[in-house]
Protein backbone atom coordinates (compact mmCIF):
# COMPACT_ATOMS: atom_id res chain seq x y z
CA MET A 1 6.06 17.93 31.87
CA LEU A 2 7.17 20.93 29.82
CA MET A 3 8.30 20.00 26.31
CA THR A 4 11.05 21.91 24.52
CA GLU A 5 11.04 22.62 20.78
CA GLU A 6 13.71 19.92 20.44
CA ASP A 7 11.39 17.41 22.11
CA LYS A 8 8.70 18.27 19.58
CA GLN A 9 11.07 17.36 16.74
CA ILE A 10 12.16 13.94 18.00
CA LEU A 11 9.52 12.03 16.03
CA GLN A 12 10.45 14.02 12.91
CA ARG A 13 14.06 12.91 13.34
CA VAL A 14 12.90 9.28 13.49
CA VAL A 15 10.95 9.70 10.24
CA ASP A 16 13.85 11.49 8.55
CA SER A 17 16.26 8.72 9.53
CA LEU A 18 13.96 6.03 8.15
CA PHE A 19 13.77 7.61 4.73
CA ASN A 20 17.40 8.64 4.23
CA ASP A 21 17.95 5.87 1.70
CA MET A 22 14.65 3.97 1.49
CA LYS A 23 11.37 4.68 -0.27
CA ARG A 24 9.31 2.37 1.98
CA THR A 25 9.60 1.13 5.53
CA SER A 26 7.85 -1.47 7.62
CA ARG A 27 5.96 -1.08 10.87
CA LEU A 28 8.65 -3.13 12.60
CA ASP A 29 11.40 -0.84 11.27
CA VAL A 30 9.53 2.20 12.58
CA ILE A 31 9.09 0.65 16.03
CA LEU A 32 12.74 -0.42 16.25
CA ARG A 33 13.97 2.99 15.12
CA ALA A 34 11.69 4.74 17.63
CA GLU A 35 13.15 2.58 20.40
CA CYS A 36 16.70 3.36 19.22
CA PHE A 37 15.89 7.07 19.47
CA ASP A 38 14.65 6.45 23.02
CA LEU A 39 11.29 8.10 22.43
CA PRO A 40 9.10 8.88 25.42
CA ALA A 41 6.60 6.13 26.28
CA ASP A 42 3.69 8.19 24.92
CA LEU A 43 5.33 8.42 21.49
CA ILE A 44 6.27 4.73 21.50
CA GLY A 45 2.57 4.10 22.10
CA ILE A 46 1.70 6.23 19.06
CA VAL A 47 4.20 4.33 16.90
CA GLU A 48 2.82 1.00 18.11
CA LEU A 49 -0.63 2.05 16.85
CA LEU A 50 0.61 1.74 13.27
CA PRO A 51 -1.19 -0.98 11.33
CA PRO A 52 0.87 -3.87 9.97
CA GLY A 53 2.46 -3.33 6.60
CA HIS A 54 4.86 -1.14 4.70
CA PHE A 55 4.66 2.62 4.38
CA THR A 56 5.82 5.34 2.07
CA ARG A 57 6.94 8.47 3.85
CA GLN A 58 3.61 10.19 3.19
CA ALA A 59 1.55 7.22 4.37
CA LEU A 60 3.63 6.92 7.55
CA CYS A 61 3.31 10.62 8.30
CA ASP A 62 -0.45 10.49 7.70
CA GLN A 63 -0.81 7.57 10.11
CA LEU A 64 1.36 9.14 12.81
CA ASN A 65 -0.26 12.57 12.51
CA SER A 66 -3.72 11.01 12.67
CA ALA A 67 -2.83 9.18 15.88
CA LEU A 68 -1.24 12.30 17.39
CA LYS A 69 -4.31 14.35 16.51
CA GLY A 70 -6.64 11.66 17.84
CA HIS A 71 -4.87 11.77 21.20
CA GLY A 72 -4.79 15.58 21.23
CA TRP A 73 -0.99 15.55 21.32
CA THR A 74 -0.08 17.69 18.31
CA GLY A 75 0.56 20.65 20.62
CA ARG A 76 2.72 18.49 22.84
CA PHE A 77 4.70 16.55 20.23
CA GLY A 78 4.09 18.44 16.99
CA THR A 79 3.46 16.72 13.69
CA VAL A 80 5.67 15.02 11.13
CA ASP A 81 6.12 15.47 7.40
């Protein structure tokens, strides 16, 4: 499946939406928001790899980028910041 540049930014849009007015977010909030954005199953799987707890933006991005890198998917889905 060929990914467009817009597809590569979908996870970034999820992260941006979570931190519009909050300084921390929970794993559950991230999963629910990812489902609301109708992420592809592979990205939902990445989000579900998050450990339990609450995250600052930087901690969430570090966790997601680590999982993306570990799966070799940074070229496919990009990274988040």
